[in-house]
């Protein structure tokens, strides 16, 4: 049961732990996962409740997990699920500096998808 991105005001251990304490008894959650978390939070959560998998953005464009998340997953025996391995479509060649995004598309507000950033990255891609 992957934990969706939480609101900043909700404490991760209380919210996740409460859901996990209630659901396995009802047969609803056999596994526990996290999304977009730090290695420190992953270790803290795993000490309280075994974490099965973590999901984070990972591609040739976003390699941040290599520094600490992937080593922590390997050390703790936790699976890693890459989110957006094709750079949210950019690495497919189908996104250009002139591509437009709907307002409900996350790329419409990500700085790396501004027209200027896309034009600069297109030259290198």
PDB file of N, CA and C in Angstrom:
ATOM      1  N   UNK A   1       0.853  -1.170   0.000  1.00  0.00           N
ATOM      2  CA  UNK A   1       0.000   0.000   0.000  1.00  0.00           C
ATOM      3  C   UNK A   1       0.892   1.223   0.000  1.00  0.00           C
ATOM      4  N   UNK A   2       1.235   1.782  -1.162  1.00  0.00           N
ATOM      5  CA  UNK A   2       2.095   2.951  -1.199  1.00  0.00           C
ATOM      6  C   UNK A   2       1.431   4.152  -0.550  1.00  0.00           C
ATOM      7  N   UNK A   3       2.179   4.852   0.263  1.00  0.00           N
ATOM      8  CA  UNK A   3       1.664   6.073   0.873  1.00  0.00           C
ATOM      9  C   UNK A   3       1.746   7.180  -0.157  1.00  0.00           C
ATOM     10  N   UNK A   4       0.638   7.824  -0.438  1.00  0.00           N
ATOM     11  CA  UNK A   4       0.665   8.902  -1.410  1.00  0.00           C
ATOM     12  C   UNK A   4       1.381  10.105  -0.803  1.00  0.00           C
ATOM     13  N   UNK A   5       1.722  11.054  -1.671  1.00  0.00           N
ATOM     14  CA  UNK A   5       2.401  12.240  -1.167  1.00  0.00           C
ATOM     15  C   UNK A   5       1.504  12.890  -0.131  1.00  0.00           C
ATOM     16  N   UNK A   6       2.068  13.139   1.030  1.00  0.00           N
ATOM     17  CA  UNK A   6       1.267  13.650   2.130  1.00  0.00           C
ATOM     18  C   UNK A   6       1.261  15.165   2.136  1.00  0.00           C
ATOM     19  N   UNK A   7       0.272  15.723   2.779  1.00  0.00           N
ATOM     20  CA  UNK A   7       0.231  17.159   2.979  1.00  0.00           C
ATOM     21  C   UNK A   7       1.270  17.492   4.037  1.00  0.00           C
ATOM     22  N   UNK A   8       1.968  18.630   3.899  1.00  0.00           N
ATOM     23  CA  UNK A   8       3.015  18.966   4.863  1.00  0.00           C
ATOM     24  C   UNK A   8       2.552  18.969   6.316  1.00  0.00           C
ATOM     25  N   UNK A   9       1.294  19.255   6.564  1.00  0.00           N
ATOM     26  CA  UNK A   9       0.803  19.332   7.941  1.00  0.00           C
ATOM     27  C   UNK A   9       0.565  17.961   8.573  1.00  0.00           C
ATOM     28  N   UNK A  10       0.506  16.906   7.775  1.00  0.00           N
ATOM     29  CA  UNK A  10       0.227  15.589   8.356  1.00  0.00           C
ATOM     30  C   UNK A  10       1.526  14.886   8.716  1.00  0.00           C
ATOM     31  N   UNK A  11       1.660  14.484   9.976  1.00  0.00           N
ATOM     32  CA  UNK A  11       2.884  13.799  10.392  1.00  0.00           C
ATOM     33  C   UNK A  11       2.975  12.419   9.753  1.00  0.00           C
ATOM     34  N   UNK A  12       4.105  12.090   9.078  1.00  0.00           N
ATOM     35  CA  UNK A  12       4.174  10.840   8.320  1.00  0.00           C
ATOM     36  C   UNK A  12       4.044   9.589   9.159  1.00  0.00           C
ATOM     37  N   UNK A  13       4.687   9.549  10.326  1.00  0.00           N
ATOM     38  CA  UNK A  13       4.636   8.320  11.115  1.00  0.00           C
ATOM     39  C   UNK A  13       3.244   8.070  11.667  1.00  0.00           C
ATOM     40  N   UNK A  14       2.589   9.131  12.168  1.00  0.00           N
ATOM     41  CA  UNK A  14       1.255   8.929  12.732  1.00  0.00           C
ATOM     42  C   UNK A  14       0.265   8.497  11.657  1.00  0.00           C
ATOM     43  N   UNK A  15       0.218   9.236  10.561  1.00  0.00           N
ATOM     44  CA  UNK A  15      -0.752   8.946   9.511  1.00  0.00           C
ATOM     45  C   UNK A  15      -0.526   7.560   8.931  1.00  0.00           C
ATOM     46  N   UNK A  16       0.699   7.261   8.536  1.00  0.00           N
ATOM     47  CA  UNK A  16       0.997   5.968   7.923  1.00  0.00           C
ATOM     48  C   UNK A  16       0.841   4.829   8.912  1.00  0.00           C
ATOM     49  N   UNK A  17       1.314   5.027  10.117  1.00  0.00           N
ATOM     50  CA  UNK A  17       1.251   3.959  11.126  1.00  0.00           C
ATOM     51  C   UNK A  17      -0.200   3.663  11.501  1.00  0.00           C
ATOM     52  N   UNK A  18      -1.019   4.714  11.654  1.00  0.00           N
ATOM     53  CA  UNK A  18      -2.418   4.500  11.995  1.00  0.00           C
ATOM     54  C   UNK A  18      -3.116   3.710  10.897  1.00  0.00           C
ATOM     55  N   UNK A  19      -2.869   4.060   9.645  1.00  0.00           N
ATOM     56  CA  UNK A  19      -3.498   3.352   8.530  1.00  0.00           C
ATOM     57  C   UNK A  19      -3.031   1.905   8.494  1.00  0.00           C
ATOM     58  N   UNK A  20      -1.760   1.683   8.734  1.00  0.00           N
ATOM     59  CA  UNK A  20      -1.233   0.324   8.682  1.00  0.00           C
ATOM     60  C   UNK A  20      -1.723  -0.518   9.857  1.00  0.00           C
ATOM     61  N   UNK A  21      -1.860   0.089  11.029  1.00  0.00           N
ATOM     62  CA  UNK A  21      -2.363  -0.648  12.179  1.00  0.00           C
ATOM     63  C   UNK A  21      -3.799  -1.096  11.957  1.00  0.00           C
ATOM     64  N   UNK A  22      -4.590  -0.277  11.290  1.00  0.00           N
ATOM     65  CA  UNK A  22      -5.991  -0.602  11.084  1.00  0.00           C
ATOM     66  C   UNK A  22      -6.200  -1.559   9.915  1.00  0.00           C
ATOM     67  N   UNK A  23      -5.525  -1.330   8.797  1.00  0.00           N
ATOM     68  CA  UNK A  23      -5.807  -2.081   7.575  1.00  0.00           C
ATOM     69  C   UNK A  23      -5.373  -3.541   7.581  1.00  0.00           C
ATOM     70  N   UNK A  24      -4.179  -3.916   8.092  1.00  0.00           N
ATOM     71  CA  UNK A  24      -3.839  -5.341   8.039  1.00  0.00           C
ATOM     72  C   UNK A  24      -4.825  -6.216   8.802  1.00  0.00           C
ATOM     73  N   UNK A  25      -5.373  -5.705   9.883  1.00  0.00           N
ATOM     74  CA  UNK A  25      -6.354  -6.476  10.645  1.00  0.00           C
ATOM     75  C   UNK A  25      -7.598  -6.741   9.799  1.00  0.00           C
ATOM     76  N   UNK A  26      -7.881  -5.840   8.875  1.00  0.00           N
ATOM     77  CA  UNK A  26      -9.027  -5.996   7.987  1.00  0.00           C
ATOM     78  C   UNK A  26      -8.628  -6.696   6.686  1.00  0.00           C
ATOM     79  N   UNK A  27      -7.364  -7.066   6.570  1.00  0.00           N
ATOM     80  CA  UNK A  27      -6.898  -7.742   5.373  1.00  0.00           C
ATOM     81  C   UNK A  27      -6.731  -6.831   4.175  1.00  0.00           C
ATOM     82  N   UNK A  28      -6.548  -5.547   4.406  1.00  0.00           N
ATOM     83  CA  UNK A  28      -6.478  -4.596   3.301  1.00  0.00           C
ATOM     84  C   UNK A  28      -5.058  -4.211   2.904  1.00  0.00           C
ATOM     85  N   UNK A  29      -4.089  -4.351   3.776  1.00  0.00           N
ATOM     86  CA  UNK A  29      -2.727  -3.912   3.457  1.00  0.00           C
ATOM     87  C   UNK A  29      -1.731  -4.984   3.864  1.00  0.00           C
ATOM     88  N   UNK A  30      -1.137  -5.597   2.866  1.00  0.00           N
ATOM     89  CA  UNK A  30      -0.143  -6.615   3.157  1.00  0.00           C
ATOM     90  C   UNK A  30       1.270  -6.065   3.156  1.00  0.00           C
ATOM     91  N   UNK A  31       1.450  -4.908   2.526  1.00  0.00           N
ATOM     92  CA  UNK A  31       2.771  -4.308   2.402  1.00  0.00           C
ATOM     93  C   UNK A  31       2.668  -2.803   2.577  1.00  0.00           C
ATOM     94  N   UNK A  32       3.802  -2.188   2.897  1.00  0.00           N
ATOM     95  CA  UNK A  32       3.847  -0.756   3.181  1.00  0.00           C
ATOM     96  C   UNK A  32       4.926  -0.124   2.313  1.00  0.00           C
ATOM     97  N   UNK A  33       4.611   0.979   1.648  1.00  0.00           N
ATOM     98  CA  UNK A  33       5.585   1.664   0.809  1.00  0.00           C
ATOM     99  C   UNK A  33       5.540   3.161   1.016  1.00  0.00           C
ATOM    100  N   UNK A  34       6.569   3.831   0.523  1.00  0.00           N
ATOM    101  CA  UNK A  34       6.675   5.278   0.631  1.00  0.00           C
ATOM    102  C   UNK A  34       6.942   5.881  -0.743  1.00  0.00           C
ATOM    103  N   UNK A  35       6.672   7.168  -0.869  1.00  0.00           N
ATOM    104  CA  UNK A  35       6.905   7.871  -2.114  1.00  0.00           C
ATOM    105  C   UNK A  35       7.682   9.151  -1.850  1.00  0.00           C
ATOM    106  N   UNK A  36       8.706   9.389  -2.679  1.00  0.00           N
ATOM    107  CA  UNK A  36       9.475  10.637  -2.633  1.00  0.00           C
ATOM    108  C   UNK A  36       9.901  11.002  -1.209  1.00  0.00           C
ATOM    109  N   UNK A  37      10.700  10.166  -0.604  1.00  0.00           N
ATOM    110  CA  UNK A  37      11.141  10.412   0.765  1.00  0.00           C
ATOM    111  C   UNK A  37      12.663  10.451   0.822  1.00  0.00           C
ATOM    112  N   UNK A  38      13.196  10.908   1.916  1.00  0.00           N
ATOM    113  CA  UNK A  38      14.642  10.939   2.100  1.00  0.00           C
ATOM    114  C   UNK A  38      15.123   9.600   2.660  1.00  0.00           C
ATOM    115  N   UNK A  39      16.420   9.360   2.573  1.00  0.00           N
ATOM    116  CA  UNK A  39      16.987   8.134   3.128  1.00  0.00           C
ATOM    117  C   UNK A  39      16.804   8.107   4.641  1.00  0.00           C
ATOM    118  N   UNK A  40      16.914   9.268   5.269  1.00  0.00           N
ATOM    119  CA  UNK A  40      16.742   9.342   6.724  1.00  0.00           C
ATOM    120  C   UNK A  40      15.313   8.956   7.122  1.00  0.00           C
ATOM    121  N   UNK A  41      14.333   9.499   6.434  1.00  0.00           N
ATOM    122  CA  UNK A  41      12.937   9.163   6.729  1.00  0.00           C
ATOM    123  C   UNK A  41      12.656   7.701   6.411  1.00  0.00           C
ATOM    124  N   UNK A  42      13.235   7.191   5.338  1.00  0.00           N
ATOM    125  CA  UNK A  42      13.075   5.789   4.980  1.00  0.00           C
ATOM    126  C   UNK A  42      13.588   4.886   6.095  1.00  0.00           C
ATOM    127  N   UNK A  43      14.753   5.202   6.612  1.00  0.00           N
ATOM    128  CA  UNK A  43      15.323   4.393   7.704  1.00  0.00           C
ATOM    129  C   UNK A  43      14.450   4.471   8.963  1.00  0.00           C
ATOM    130  N   UNK A  44      13.972   5.665   9.284  1.00  0.00           N
ATOM    131  CA  UNK A  44      13.114   5.828  10.468  1.00  0.00           C
ATOM    132  C   UNK A  44      11.823   5.038  10.304  1.00  0.00           C
ATOM    133  N   UNK A  45      11.206   5.141   9.134  1.00  0.00           N
ATOM    134  CA  UNK A  45       9.941   4.430   8.898  1.00  0.00           C
ATOM    135  C   UNK A  45      10.158   2.923   8.931  1.00  0.00           C
ATOM    136  N   UNK A  46      11.235   2.457   8.329  1.00  0.00           N
ATOM    137  CA  UNK A  46      11.520   1.016   8.263  1.00  0.00           C
ATOM    138  C   UNK A  46      11.783   0.431   9.649  1.00  0.00           C
ATOM    139  N   UNK A  47      12.311   1.246  10.551  1.00  0.00           N
ATOM    140  CA  UNK A  47      12.554   0.788  11.921  1.00  0.00           C
ATOM    141  C   UNK A  47      11.236   0.574  12.672  1.00  0.00           C
ATOM    142  N   UNK A  48      10.189   1.311  12.280  1.00  0.00           N
ATOM    143  CA  UNK A  48       8.888   1.209  12.938  1.00  0.00           C
ATOM    144  C   UNK A  48       8.007   0.166  12.257  1.00  0.00           C
ATOM    145  N   UNK A  49       8.018   0.171  10.929  1.00  0.00           N
ATOM    146  CA  UNK A  49       7.174  -0.713  10.123  1.00  0.00           C
ATOM    147  C   UNK A  49       7.971  -1.120   8.890  1.00  0.00           C
ATOM    148  N   UNK A  50       8.156  -2.408   8.629  1.00  0.00           N
ATOM    149  CA  UNK A  50       8.923  -2.806   7.452  1.00  0.00           C
ATOM    150  C   UNK A  50       8.375  -2.179   6.169  1.00  0.00           C
ATOM    151  N   UNK A  51       9.247  -1.510   5.436  1.00  0.00           N
ATOM    152  CA  UNK A  51       8.882  -0.880   4.166  1.00  0.00           C
ATOM    153  C   UNK A  51       9.205  -1.855   3.042  1.00  0.00           C
ATOM    154  N   UNK A  52       8.252  -2.099   2.181  1.00  0.00           N
ATOM    155  CA  UNK A  52       8.426  -3.029   1.072  1.00  0.00           C
ATOM    156  C   UNK A  52       9.089  -2.360  -0.121  1.00  0.00           C
ATOM    157  N   UNK A  53       8.649  -1.130  -0.441  1.00  0.00           N
ATOM    158  CA  UNK A  53       9.169  -0.441  -1.619  1.00  0.00           C
ATOM    159  C   UNK A  53       9.053   1.064  -1.447  1.00  0.00           C
ATOM    160  N   UNK A  54       9.871   1.767  -2.212  1.00  0.00           N
ATOM    161  CA  UNK A  54       9.813   3.227  -2.262  1.00  0.00           C
ATOM    162  C   UNK A  54       9.723   3.624  -3.729  1.00  0.00           C
ATOM    163  N   UNK A  55       8.959   4.665  -4.001  1.00  0.00           N
ATOM    164  CA  UNK A  55       8.813   5.186  -5.356  1.00  0.00           C
ATOM    165  C   UNK A  55       9.332   6.610  -5.379  1.00  0.00           C
ATOM    166  N   UNK A  56      10.253   6.890  -6.285  1.00  0.00           N
ATOM    167  CA  UNK A  56      10.818   8.237  -6.430  1.00  0.00           C
ATOM    168  C   UNK A  56      11.123   8.495  -7.894  1.00  0.00           C
ATOM    169  N   UNK A  57      11.171   9.760  -8.247  1.00  0.00           N
ATOM    170  CA  UNK A  57      11.544  10.117  -9.608  1.00  0.00           C
ATOM    171  C   UNK A  57      12.979   9.671  -9.864  1.00  0.00           C
ATOM    172  N   UNK A  58      13.183   9.012 -10.994  1.00  0.00           N
ATOM    173  CA  UNK A  58      14.517   8.525 -11.345  1.00  0.00           C
ATOM    174  C   UNK A  58      14.600   8.316 -12.847  1.00  0.00           C
ATOM    175  N   UNK A  59      15.533   9.005 -13.465  1.00  0.00           N
ATOM    176  CA  UNK A  59      15.767   8.874 -14.903  1.00  0.00           C
ATOM    177  C   UNK A  59      17.158   9.416 -15.197  1.00  0.00           C
ATOM    178  N   UNK A  60      17.534   9.411 -16.457  1.00  0.00           N
ATOM    179  CA  UNK A  60      18.813  10.015 -16.825  1.00  0.00           C
ATOM    180  C   UNK A  60      18.830  11.503 -16.502  1.00  0.00           C
ATOM    181  N   UNK A  61      17.645  12.075 -16.374  1.00  0.00           N
ATOM    182  CA  UNK A  61      17.494  13.505 -16.109  1.00  0.00           C
ATOM    183  C   UNK A  61      17.453  13.805 -14.613  1.00  0.00           C
ATOM    184  N   UNK A  62      16.975  12.881 -13.829  1.00  0.00           N
ATOM    185  CA  UNK A  62      16.814  13.078 -12.380  1.00  0.00           C
ATOM    186  C   UNK A  62      17.435  11.896 -11.657  1.00  0.00           C
ATOM    187  N   UNK A  63      18.708  12.018 -11.322  1.00  0.00           N
ATOM    188  CA  UNK A  63      19.451  10.892 -10.748  1.00  0.00           C
ATOM    189  C   UNK A  63      19.710  11.053  -9.247  1.00  0.00           C
ATOM    190  N   UNK A  64      18.993  11.926  -8.612  1.00  0.00           N
ATOM    191  CA  UNK A  64      19.184  12.197  -7.186  1.00  0.00           C
ATOM    192  C   UNK A  64      19.162  10.945  -6.300  1.00  0.00           C
ATOM    193  N   UNK A  65      18.292   9.960  -6.562  1.00  0.00           N
ATOM    194  CA  UNK A  65      18.254   8.782  -5.683  1.00  0.00           C
ATOM    195  C   UNK A  65      19.572   8.015  -5.594  1.00  0.00           C
ATOM    196  N   UNK A  66      20.447   8.182  -6.570  1.00  0.00           N
ATOM    197  CA  UNK A  66      21.705   7.440  -6.565  1.00  0.00           C
ATOM    198  C   UNK A  66      22.587   7.779  -5.369  1.00  0.00           C
ATOM    199  N   UNK A  67      22.479   8.995  -4.867  1.00  0.00           N
ATOM    200  CA  UNK A  67      23.348   9.449  -3.781  1.00  0.00           C
ATOM    201  C   UNK A  67      23.057   8.746  -2.458  1.00  0.00           C
ATOM    202  N   UNK A  68      21.776   8.671  -2.070  1.00  0.00           N
ATOM    203  CA  UNK A  68      21.482   8.083  -0.757  1.00  0.00           C
ATOM    204  C   UNK A  68      20.272   7.156  -0.720  1.00  0.00           C
ATOM    205  N   UNK A  69      19.296   7.370  -1.573  1.00  0.00           N
ATOM    206  CA  UNK A  69      18.094   6.525  -1.546  1.00  0.00           C
ATOM    207  C   UNK A  69      18.400   5.102  -2.019  1.00  0.00           C
ATOM    208  N   UNK A  70      19.046   4.959  -3.170  1.00  0.00           N
ATOM    209  CA  UNK A  70      19.335   3.611  -3.685  1.00  0.00           C
ATOM    210  C   UNK A  70      20.251   2.825  -2.749  1.00  0.00           C
ATOM    211  N   UNK A  71      21.320   3.428  -2.198  1.00  0.00           N
ATOM    212  CA  UNK A  71      22.123   2.678  -1.234  1.00  0.00           C
ATOM    213  C   UNK A  71      21.328   2.260   0.010  1.00  0.00           C
ATOM    214  N   UNK A  72      20.429   3.133   0.490  1.00  0.00           N
ATOM    215  CA  UNK A  72      19.613   2.778   1.661  1.00  0.00           C
ATOM    216  C   UNK A  72      18.672   1.631   1.322  1.00  0.00           C
ATOM    217  N   UNK A  73      18.070   1.667   0.144  1.00  0.00           N
ATOM    218  CA  UNK A  73      17.183   0.574  -0.273  1.00  0.00           C
ATOM    219  C   UNK A  73      17.951  -0.739  -0.347  1.00  0.00           C
ATOM    220  N   UNK A  74      19.131  -0.703  -0.921  1.00  0.00           N
ATOM    221  CA  UNK A  74      19.928  -1.924  -1.030  1.00  0.00           C
ATOM    222  C   UNK A  74      20.317  -2.438   0.347  1.00  0.00           C
ATOM    223  N   UNK A  75      20.741  -1.545   1.218  1.00  0.00           N
ATOM    224  CA  UNK A  75      21.140  -1.934   2.581  1.00  0.00           C
ATOM    225  C   UNK A  75      19.996  -2.562   3.353  1.00  0.00           C
ATOM    226  N   UNK A  76      18.782  -2.005   3.201  1.00  0.00           N
ATOM    227  CA  UNK A  76      17.634  -2.451   3.989  1.00  0.00           C
ATOM    228  C   UNK A  76      16.795  -3.522   3.285  1.00  0.00           C
ATOM    229  N   UNK A  77      17.134  -3.855   2.048  1.00  0.00           N
ATOM    230  CA  UNK A  77      16.363  -4.854   1.307  1.00  0.00           C
ATOM    231  C   UNK A  77      15.007  -4.333   0.862  1.00  0.00           C
ATOM    232  N   UNK A  78      14.947  -3.060   0.504  1.00  0.00           N
ATOM    233  CA  UNK A  78      13.697  -2.413   0.101  1.00  0.00           C
ATOM    234  C   UNK A  78      13.711  -2.223  -1.413  1.00  0.00           C
ATOM    235  N   UNK A  79      12.603  -2.538  -2.063  1.00  0.00           N
ATOM    236  CA  UNK A  79      12.496  -2.359  -3.503  1.00  0.00           C
ATOM    237  C   UNK A  79      12.407  -0.891  -3.882  1.00  0.00           C
ATOM    238  N   UNK A  80      12.866  -0.575  -5.083  1.00  0.00           N
ATOM    239  CA  UNK A  80      12.814   0.799  -5.593  1.00  0.00           C
ATOM    240  C   UNK A  80      12.030   0.810  -6.899  1.00  0.00           C
ATOM    241  N   UNK A  81      10.994   1.653  -6.965  1.00  0.00           N
ATOM    242  CA  UNK A  81      10.174   1.787  -8.161  1.00  0.00           C
ATOM    243  C   UNK A  81      10.432   3.176  -8.744  1.00  0.00           C
ATOM    244  N   UNK A  82      11.067   3.238  -9.930  1.00  0.00           N
ATOM    245  CA  UNK A  82      11.341   4.560 -10.508  1.00  0.00           C
ATOM    246  C   UNK A  82      10.066   5.208 -11.029  1.00  0.00           C
ATOM    247  N   UNK A  83       9.865   6.446 -10.652  1.00  0.00           N
ATOM    248  CA  UNK A  83       8.746   7.230 -11.161  1.00  0.00           C
ATOM    249  C   UNK A  83       9.280   8.085 -12.305  1.00  0.00           C
ATOM    250  N   UNK A  84       8.615   8.088 -13.398  1.00  0.00           N
ATOM    251  CA  UNK A  84       8.935   8.896 -14.568  1.00  0.00           C
ATOM    252  C   UNK A  84      10.326   8.606 -15.132  1.00  0.00           C
ATOM    253  N   UNK A  85      10.606   7.345 -15.466  1.00  0.00           N
ATOM    254  CA  UNK A  85      11.924   7.007 -15.996  1.00  0.00           C
ATOM    255  C   UNK A  85      12.246   7.673 -17.340  1.00  0.00           C
ATOM    256  N   UNK A  86      11.243   8.209 -18.018  1.00  0.00           N
ATOM    257  CA  UNK A  86      11.476   8.912 -19.283  1.00  0.00           C
ATOM    258  C   UNK A  86      11.362  10.421 -19.115  1.00  0.00           C
ATOM    259  N   UNK A  87      11.660  10.905 -17.901  1.00  0.00           N
ATOM    260  CA  UNK A  87      11.696  12.351 -17.668  1.00  0.00           C
ATOM    261  C   UNK A  87      10.390  13.048 -17.971  1.00  0.00           C
ATOM    262  N   UNK A  88       9.286  12.430 -17.560  1.00  0.00           N
ATOM    263  CA  UNK A  88       7.946  12.968 -17.784  1.00  0.00           C
ATOM    264  C   UNK A  88       7.706  13.274 -19.257  1.00  0.00           C
ATOM    265  N   UNK A  89       8.255  12.421 -20.099  1.00  0.00           N
ATOM    266  CA  UNK A  89       8.056  12.539 -21.533  1.00  0.00           C
ATOM    267  C   UNK A  89       9.156  13.282 -22.266  1.00  0.00           C
ATOM    268  N   UNK A  90       9.964  14.046 -21.563  1.00  0.00           N
ATOM    269  CA  UNK A  90      10.998  14.847 -22.233  1.00  0.00           C
ATOM    270  C   UNK A  90      12.004  13.964 -22.963  1.00  0.00           C
ATOM    271  N   UNK A  91      12.401  12.856 -22.356  1.00  0.00           N
ATOM    272  CA  UNK A  91      13.429  12.000 -22.946  1.00  0.00           C
ATOM    273  C   UNK A  91      12.908  11.151 -24.104  1.00  0.00           C
ATOM    274  N   UNK A  92      11.618  11.256 -24.400  1.00  0.00           N
ATOM    275  CA  UNK A  92      11.059  10.528 -25.542  1.00  0.00           C
ATOM    276  C   UNK A  92      11.227  11.316 -26.834  1.00  0.00           C
ATOM    277  N   UNK A  93      11.576  12.595 -26.714  1.00  0.00           N
ATOM    278  CA  UNK A  93      11.698  13.443 -27.894  1.00  0.00           C
ATOM    279  C   UNK A  93      10.380  14.043 -28.337  1.00  0.00           C
ATOM    280  N   UNK A  94       9.311  13.766 -27.605  1.00  0.00           N
ATOM    281  CA  UNK A  94       7.992  14.281 -27.989  1.00  0.00           C
ATOM    282  C   UNK A  94       7.653  15.607 -27.308  1.00  0.00           C
ATOM    283  N   UNK A  95       8.527  16.087 -26.420  1.00  0.00           N
ATOM    284  CA  UNK A  95       8.310  17.361 -25.745  1.00  0.00           C
ATOM    285  C   UNK A  95       9.362  18.330 -26.264  1.00  0.00           C
ATOM    286  N   UNK A  96       8.917  19.470 -26.762  1.00  0.00           N
ATOM    287  CA  UNK A  96       9.848  20.474 -27.284  1.00  0.00           C
ATOM    288  C   UNK A  96       9.598  21.808 -26.581  1.00  0.00           C
ATOM    289  N   UNK A  97      10.351  22.813 -26.953  1.00  0.00           N
ATOM    290  CA  UNK A  97      10.194  24.142 -26.350  1.00  0.00           C
ATOM    291  C   UNK A  97       8.824  24.733 -26.661  1.00  0.00           C
ATOM    292  N   UNK A  98       8.175  24.272 -27.711  1.00  0.00           N
ATOM    293  CA  UNK A  98       6.866  24.819 -28.090  1.00  0.00           C
ATOM    294  C   UNK A  98       5.690  24.000 -27.561  1.00  0.00           C
ATOM    295  N   UNK A  99       5.960  22.881 -26.907  1.00  0.00           N
ATOM    296  CA  UNK A  99       4.891  22.053 -26.344  1.00  0.00           C
ATOM    297  C   UNK A  99       4.146  22.839 -25.264  1.00  0.00           C
ATOM    298  N   UNK A 100       2.836  22.728 -25.244  1.00  0.00           N
ATOM    299  CA  UNK A 100       2.040  23.369 -24.191  1.00  0.00           C
ATOM    300  C   UNK A 100       1.444  22.292 -23.291  1.00  0.00           C
ATOM    301  N   UNK A 101       1.247  22.656 -22.040  1.00  0.00           N
ATOM    302  CA  UNK A 101       0.694  21.728 -21.056  1.00  0.00           C
ATOM    303  C   UNK A 101      -0.569  22.320 -20.455  1.00  0.00           C
ATOM    304  N   UNK A 102      -1.548  21.458 -20.208  1.00  0.00           N
ATOM    305  CA  UNK A 102      -2.778  21.893 -19.532  1.00  0.00           C
ATOM    306  C   UNK A 102      -2.436  22.334 -18.115  1.00  0.00           C
ATOM    307  N   UNK A 103      -3.261  23.175 -17.516  1.00  0.00           N
ATOM    308  CA  UNK A 103      -2.992  23.683 -16.165  1.00  0.00           C
ATOM    309  C   UNK A 103      -2.984  22.587 -15.104  1.00  0.00           C
ATOM    310  N   UNK A 104      -3.659  21.467 -15.359  1.00  0.00           N
ATOM    311  CA  UNK A 104      -3.669  20.372 -14.384  1.00  0.00           C
ATOM    312  C   UNK A 104      -2.519  19.379 -14.609  1.00  0.00           C
ATOM    313  N   UNK A 105      -1.652  19.648 -15.569  1.00  0.00           N
ATOM    314  CA  UNK A 105      -0.473  18.823 -15.844  1.00  0.00           C
ATOM    315  C   UNK A 105       0.680  19.360 -14.990  1.00  0.00           C
ATOM    316  N   UNK A 106       1.278  18.492 -14.188  1.00  0.00           N
ATOM    317  CA  UNK A 106       2.349  18.902 -13.271  1.00  0.00           C
ATOM    318  C   UNK A 106       3.478  19.625 -14.011  1.00  0.00           C
ATOM    319  N   UNK A 107       3.695  19.277 -15.260  1.00  0.00           N
ATOM    320  CA  UNK A 107       4.757  19.913 -16.033  1.00  0.00           C
ATOM    321  C   UNK A 107       4.496  21.386 -16.291  1.00  0.00           C
ATOM    322  N   UNK A 108       3.247  21.838 -16.141  1.00  0.00           N
ATOM    323  CA  UNK A 108       2.933  23.253 -16.371  1.00  0.00           C
ATOM    324  C   UNK A 108       3.527  24.159 -15.301  1.00  0.00           C
ATOM    325  N   UNK A 109       3.882  23.594 -14.158  1.00  0.00           N
ATOM    326  CA  UNK A 109       4.479  24.425 -13.106  1.00  0.00           C
ATOM    327  C   UNK A 109       5.865  23.961 -12.658  1.00  0.00           C
ATOM    328  N   UNK A 110       6.392  22.878 -13.220  1.00  0.00           N
ATOM    329  CA  UNK A 110       7.761  22.451 -12.917  1.00  0.00           C
ATOM    330  C   UNK A 110       8.739  23.382 -13.624  1.00  0.00           C
ATOM    331  N   UNK A 111       9.698  23.961 -12.905  1.00  0.00           N
ATOM    332  CA  UNK A 111      10.666  24.865 -13.546  1.00  0.00           C
ATOM    333  C   UNK A 111      11.415  24.232 -14.717  1.00  0.00           C
ATOM    334  N   UNK A 112      11.713  22.941 -14.645  1.00  0.00           N
ATOM    335  CA  UNK A 112      12.465  22.313 -15.738  1.00  0.00           C
ATOM    336  C   UNK A 112      11.659  22.215 -17.018  1.00  0.00           C
ATOM    337  N   UNK A 113      10.338  22.467 -16.930  1.00  0.00           N
ATOM    338  CA  UNK A 113       9.493  22.435 -18.125  1.00  0.00           C
ATOM    339  C   UNK A 113       9.076  23.824 -18.593  1.00  0.00           C
ATOM    340  N   UNK A 114       9.724  24.859 -18.069  1.00  0.00           N
ATOM    341  CA  UNK A 114       9.454  26.191 -18.602  1.00  0.00           C
ATOM    342  C   UNK A 114       9.949  26.206 -20.051  1.00  0.00           C
ATOM    343  N   UNK A 115       9.375  27.046 -20.895  1.00  0.00           N
ATOM    344  CA  UNK A 115       9.829  27.076 -22.295  1.00  0.00           C
ATOM    345  C   UNK A 115      11.340  27.326 -22.413  1.00  0.00           C
ATOM    346  N   UNK A 116      11.877  28.188 -21.547  1.00  0.00           N
ATOM    347  CA  UNK A 116      13.309  28.501 -21.597  1.00  0.00           C
ATOM    348  C   UNK A 116      14.148  27.271 -21.239  1.00  0.00           C
ATOM    349  N   UNK A 117      13.750  26.553 -20.190  1.00  0.00           N
ATOM    350  CA  UNK A 117      14.494  25.363 -19.767  1.00  0.00           C
ATOM    351  C   UNK A 117      14.401  24.274 -20.826  1.00  0.00           C
ATOM    352  N   UNK A 118      13.209  24.095 -21.406  1.00  0.00           N
ATOM    353  CA  UNK A 118      13.062  23.073 -22.442  1.00  0.00           C
ATOM    354  C   UNK A 118      13.909  23.403 -23.666  1.00  0.00           C
ATOM    355  N   UNK A 119      13.959  24.671 -24.037  1.00  0.00           N
ATOM    356  CA  UNK A 119      14.778  25.074 -25.195  1.00  0.00           C
ATOM    357  C   UNK A 119      16.251  24.810 -24.905  1.00  0.00           C
ATOM    358  N   UNK A 120      16.709  25.143 -23.708  1.00  0.00           N
ATOM    359  CA  UNK A 120      18.113  24.934 -23.343  1.00  0.00           C
ATOM    360  C   UNK A 120      18.453  23.445 -23.279  1.00  0.00           C
ATOM    361  N   UNK A 121      17.541  22.635 -22.754  1.00  0.00           N
ATOM    362  CA  UNK A 121      17.795  21.195 -22.631  1.00  0.00           C
ATOM    363  C   UNK A 121      17.641  20.473 -23.979  1.00  0.00           C
ATOM    364  N   UNK A 122      16.837  21.006 -24.858  1.00  0.00           N
ATOM    365  CA  UNK A 122      16.626  20.387 -26.147  1.00  0.00           C
ATOM    366  C   UNK A 122      17.935  20.359 -26.939  1.00  0.00           C
ATOM    367  N   UNK A 123      18.739  21.375 -26.801  1.00  0.00           N
ATOM    368  CA  UNK A 123      20.008  21.454 -27.524  1.00  0.00           C
ATOM    369  C   UNK A 123      20.927  20.330 -27.069  1.00  0.00           C
ATOM    370  N   UNK A 124      20.890  20.001 -25.773  1.00  0.00           N
ATOM    371  CA  UNK A 124      21.768  18.987 -25.230  1.00  0.00           C
ATOM    372  C   UNK A 124      21.238  17.576 -25.427  1.00  0.00           C
ATOM    373  N   UNK A 125      19.945  17.441 -25.578  1.00  0.00           N
ATOM    374  CA  UNK A 125      19.332  16.109 -25.649  1.00  0.00           C
ATOM    375  C   UNK A 125      19.514  15.462 -26.997  1.00  0.00           C
TER     376      UNK A 125
END
